[in-house]
C-alpha cells in the first residue's frame, strides 16, 4: 500500500488549500483513513478521519473549517482546508488502516488506530500559513 500526499503550499491567513492523498495497492473493502499534522517542535496530532461507511471525525481546532472526503473511484483522500490560520502551519500526513470489519467507533480521532498507530503513512506535504 502506498500513500502519496500533494497540494501543500504557502498561503495567507484566511485562505484555502485542498490536500490530496493518492492511495494505491489495496483491495480491501473496509478502511479507516486520516489526516495528521506535525508542527515544528510539537507532537503529531490527528486532524480528521473518515471510514469506509462515510463516518468522519475532526479535531476541535479544525471543526467548521476543514472537511475530509474520499473519492473511491479515484482512490484519493482529500482534506479541504478553509479559513486557514498561522497555527495550521505544519507538515500534513495521510495515513490508513484496513480492518477486516468496520464498526461505528473504530475510526474516531483519539481512539483506536488513530490514537495507537496507523499501518500505512505517506511522506507528507508542507502547509505554511502566513499572517
C-alpha atoms as a PDB file:
ATOM      1  CA  UNK A   1       0.000   0.000   0.000  1.00  0.00           C
ATOM      2  CA  UNK A   2       1.318   3.432  -0.933  1.00  0.00           C
ATOM      3  CA  UNK A   3       0.059   6.845   0.076  1.00  0.00           C
ATOM      4  CA  UNK A   4       1.263   9.988  -1.672  1.00  0.00           C
ATOM      5  CA  UNK A   5       0.213  13.447  -0.492  1.00  0.00           C
ATOM      6  CA  UNK A   6       0.065  16.586  -2.595  1.00  0.00           C
ATOM      7  CA  UNK A   7      -1.466  20.039  -2.516  1.00  0.00           C
ATOM      8  CA  UNK A   8       0.543  21.703   0.200  1.00  0.00           C
ATOM      9  CA  UNK A   9       1.876  25.206  -0.209  1.00  0.00           C
ATOM     10  CA  UNK A  10       2.101  28.682   1.231  1.00  0.00           C
ATOM     11  CA  UNK A  11      -0.983  30.861   1.596  1.00  0.00           C
ATOM     12  CA  UNK A  12      -2.013  33.830   3.644  1.00  0.00           C
ATOM     13  CA  UNK A  13      -4.246  33.566   6.664  1.00  0.00           C
ATOM     14  CA  UNK A  14      -7.881  33.290   5.659  1.00  0.00           C
ATOM     15  CA  UNK A  15      -7.040  31.394   2.506  1.00  0.00           C
ATOM     16  CA  UNK A  16      -7.807  27.838   1.450  1.00  0.00           C
ATOM     17  CA  UNK A  17      -5.948  24.748   0.335  1.00  0.00           C
ATOM     18  CA  UNK A  18      -7.024  21.278  -0.677  1.00  0.00           C
ATOM     19  CA  UNK A  19      -4.723  18.418   0.154  1.00  0.00           C
ATOM     20  CA  UNK A  20      -4.891  15.168  -1.771  1.00  0.00           C
ATOM     21  CA  UNK A  21      -3.656  11.714  -0.863  1.00  0.00           C
ATOM     22  CA  UNK A  22      -3.457   9.127  -3.620  1.00  0.00           C
ATOM     23  CA  UNK A  23      -3.851   5.618  -2.212  1.00  0.00           C
ATOM     24  CA  UNK A  24      -2.739   2.601  -4.196  1.00  0.00           C
ATOM     25  CA  UNK A  25      -2.052  -1.071  -3.726  1.00  0.00           C
ATOM     26  CA  UNK A  26      -5.057  -2.089  -1.670  1.00  0.00           C
ATOM     27  CA  UNK A  27      -8.147  -4.128  -2.439  1.00  0.00           C
ATOM     28  CA  UNK A  28      -9.802  -4.155   0.958  1.00  0.00           C
ATOM     29  CA  UNK A  29     -13.437  -3.267   1.425  1.00  0.00           C
ATOM     30  CA  UNK A  30     -13.063  -1.555   4.786  1.00  0.00           C
ATOM     31  CA  UNK A  31     -10.758   1.314   5.550  1.00  0.00           C
ATOM     32  CA  UNK A  32     -10.052   3.955   8.129  1.00  0.00           C
ATOM     33  CA  UNK A  33      -8.077   6.901   6.816  1.00  0.00           C
ATOM     34  CA  UNK A  34      -6.960  10.081   8.407  1.00  0.00           C
ATOM     35  CA  UNK A  35      -5.023  13.282   8.108  1.00  0.00           C
ATOM     36  CA  UNK A  36      -2.425  14.128  10.710  1.00  0.00           C
ATOM     37  CA  UNK A  37      -0.146  17.115  11.097  1.00  0.00           C
ATOM     38  CA  UNK A  38       3.037  17.940  12.910  1.00  0.00           C
ATOM     39  CA  UNK A  39       4.227  21.473  13.504  1.00  0.00           C
ATOM     40  CA  UNK A  40       7.873  22.237  14.330  1.00  0.00           C
ATOM     41  CA  UNK A  41       8.603  21.389  17.938  1.00  0.00           C
ATOM     42  CA  UNK A  42       5.182  19.878  18.519  1.00  0.00           C
ATOM     43  CA  UNK A  43       3.772  16.381  18.667  1.00  0.00           C
ATOM     44  CA  UNK A  44       1.901  14.934  15.756  1.00  0.00           C
ATOM     45  CA  UNK A  45      -1.851  15.352  16.072  1.00  0.00           C
ATOM     46  CA  UNK A  46      -4.839  13.903  14.321  1.00  0.00           C
ATOM     47  CA  UNK A  47      -6.790  16.375  12.223  1.00  0.00           C
ATOM     48  CA  UNK A  48      -9.611  14.418  10.596  1.00  0.00           C
ATOM     49  CA  UNK A  49     -10.667  10.865   9.848  1.00  0.00           C
ATOM     50  CA  UNK A  50     -13.067   9.031   7.596  1.00  0.00           C
ATOM     51  CA  UNK A  51     -14.100   5.387   7.414  1.00  0.00           C
ATOM     52  CA  UNK A  52     -15.466   3.237   4.641  1.00  0.00           C
ATOM     53  CA  UNK A  53     -19.023   3.832   5.869  1.00  0.00           C
ATOM     54  CA  UNK A  54     -18.567   7.574   5.486  1.00  0.00           C
ATOM     55  CA  UNK A  55     -18.289   8.480   9.163  1.00  0.00           C
ATOM     56  CA  UNK A  56     -15.993  11.404   9.865  1.00  0.00           C
ATOM     57  CA  UNK A  57     -14.399  12.981  12.893  1.00  0.00           C
ATOM     58  CA  UNK A  58     -12.451  16.201  13.370  1.00  0.00           C
ATOM     59  CA  UNK A  59     -10.137  17.799  15.854  1.00  0.00           C
ATOM     60  CA  UNK A  60     -11.828  20.657  17.707  1.00  0.00           C
ATOM     61  CA  UNK A  61      -9.296  23.103  16.308  1.00  0.00           C
ATOM     62  CA  UNK A  62     -10.414  22.487  12.723  1.00  0.00           C
ATOM     63  CA  UNK A  63     -14.140  21.814  13.072  1.00  0.00           C
ATOM     64  CA  UNK A  64     -16.131  24.004  10.748  1.00  0.00           C
ATOM     65  CA  UNK A  65     -13.034  24.905   8.719  1.00  0.00           C
ATOM     66  CA  UNK A  66     -11.733  21.577   7.376  1.00  0.00           C
ATOM     67  CA  UNK A  67     -13.568  18.820   5.545  1.00  0.00           C
ATOM     68  CA  UNK A  68     -12.317  15.304   4.865  1.00  0.00           C
ATOM     69  CA  UNK A  69     -13.630  13.270   1.951  1.00  0.00           C
ATOM     70  CA  UNK A  70     -12.695  10.308  -0.202  1.00  0.00           C
ATOM     71  CA  UNK A  71     -13.315   9.655  -3.856  1.00  0.00           C
ATOM     72  CA  UNK A  72     -13.432   5.867  -4.014  1.00  0.00           C
ATOM     73  CA  UNK A  73     -13.409   5.832  -7.812  1.00  0.00           C
ATOM     74  CA  UNK A  74     -10.133   7.749  -7.809  1.00  0.00           C
ATOM     75  CA  UNK A  75      -8.749   6.118  -4.645  1.00  0.00           C
ATOM     76  CA  UNK A  76      -7.964   9.580  -3.387  1.00  0.00           C
ATOM     77  CA  UNK A  77      -8.407  11.084   0.064  1.00  0.00           C
ATOM     78  CA  UNK A  78      -8.917  14.836   0.368  1.00  0.00           C
ATOM     79  CA  UNK A  79      -8.696  17.478   3.040  1.00  0.00           C
ATOM     80  CA  UNK A  80     -10.350  20.768   2.158  1.00  0.00           C
ATOM     81  CA  UNK A  81      -8.942  23.448   4.424  1.00  0.00           C
ATOM     82  CA  UNK A  82     -10.679  26.825   4.626  1.00  0.00           C
ATOM     83  CA  UNK A  83     -10.145  29.921   6.727  1.00  0.00           C
ATOM     84  CA  UNK A  84      -6.582  28.872   7.352  1.00  0.00           C
ATOM     85  CA  UNK A  85      -4.711  30.261  10.342  1.00  0.00           C
ATOM     86  CA  UNK A  86      -0.978  30.563  11.045  1.00  0.00           C
ATOM     87  CA  UNK A  87      -1.499  27.850  13.680  1.00  0.00           C
ATOM     88  CA  UNK A  88      -2.355  25.429  10.868  1.00  0.00           C
ATOM     89  CA  UNK A  89       1.245  25.587   9.629  1.00  0.00           C
ATOM     90  CA  UNK A  90       2.606  22.038   9.723  1.00  0.00           C
ATOM     91  CA  UNK A  91       3.621  19.012   7.739  1.00  0.00           C
ATOM     92  CA  UNK A  92       0.444  17.146   6.867  1.00  0.00           C
ATOM     93  CA  UNK A  93       0.366  13.377   6.521  1.00  0.00           C
ATOM     94  CA  UNK A  94      -2.285  10.950   5.389  1.00  0.00           C
ATOM     95  CA  UNK A  95      -2.483   7.505   6.922  1.00  0.00           C
ATOM     96  CA  UNK A  96      -4.582   4.384   6.566  1.00  0.00           C
ATOM     97  CA  UNK A  97      -5.517   1.108   8.157  1.00  0.00           C
ATOM     98  CA  UNK A  98      -7.629  -1.660   6.633  1.00  0.00           C
ATOM     99  CA  UNK A  99      -9.557  -3.663   9.223  1.00  0.00           C
ATOM    100  CA  UNK A 100     -11.430  -6.879   8.324  1.00  0.00           C
ATOM    101  CA  UNK A 101     -14.649  -5.361   9.643  1.00  0.00           C
ATOM    102  CA  UNK A 102     -15.744  -1.808  10.420  1.00  0.00           C
ATOM    103  CA  UNK A 103     -17.619  -0.583  13.470  1.00  0.00           C
ATOM    104  CA  UNK A 104     -19.006   2.834  14.281  1.00  0.00           C
ATOM    105  CA  UNK A 105     -16.392   3.792  16.843  1.00  0.00           C
ATOM    106  CA  UNK A 106     -13.342   2.331  15.166  1.00  0.00           C
ATOM    107  CA  UNK A 107     -12.186   5.328  13.177  1.00  0.00           C
ATOM    108  CA  UNK A 108     -12.552   8.221  15.604  1.00  0.00           C
ATOM    109  CA  UNK A 109      -9.789  10.662  16.418  1.00  0.00           C
ATOM    110  CA  UNK A 110      -8.281   9.926  19.790  1.00  0.00           C
ATOM    111  CA  UNK A 111      -9.229   6.260  19.781  1.00  0.00           C
ATOM    112  CA  UNK A 112      -8.377   3.009  18.058  1.00  0.00           C
ATOM    113  CA  UNK A 113      -5.786   3.119  15.324  1.00  0.00           C
ATOM    114  CA  UNK A 114      -5.872   6.925  15.097  1.00  0.00           C
ATOM    115  CA  UNK A 115      -4.542   7.025  18.627  1.00  0.00           C
ATOM    116  CA  UNK A 116      -2.424   3.919  18.759  1.00  0.00           C
ATOM    117  CA  UNK A 117      -0.965   3.779  15.296  1.00  0.00           C
ATOM    118  CA  UNK A 118      -1.952   3.572  11.673  1.00  0.00           C
ATOM    119  CA  UNK A 119      -0.450   0.928   9.421  1.00  0.00           C
ATOM    120  CA  UNK A 120       0.413   2.989   6.367  1.00  0.00           C
ATOM    121  CA  UNK A 121       1.708   6.542   6.067  1.00  0.00           C
ATOM    122  CA  UNK A 122       2.550   8.986   3.350  1.00  0.00           C
ATOM    123  CA  UNK A 123       5.673  11.147   3.411  1.00  0.00           C
ATOM    124  CA  UNK A 124       3.822  14.377   3.991  1.00  0.00           C
ATOM    125  CA  UNK A 125       3.120  17.699   2.330  1.00  0.00           C
ATOM    126  CA  UNK A 126       4.071  21.043   3.866  1.00  0.00           C
ATOM    127  CA  UNK A 127       1.467  23.707   4.602  1.00  0.00           C
ATOM    128  CA  UNK A 128       2.652  27.191   5.560  1.00  0.00           C
ATOM    129  CA  UNK A 129       0.210  29.918   6.548  1.00  0.00           C
ATOM    130  CA  UNK A 130       1.448  33.483   6.852  1.00  0.00           C
ATOM    131  CA  UNK A 131      -0.277  36.184   8.873  1.00  0.00           C
END
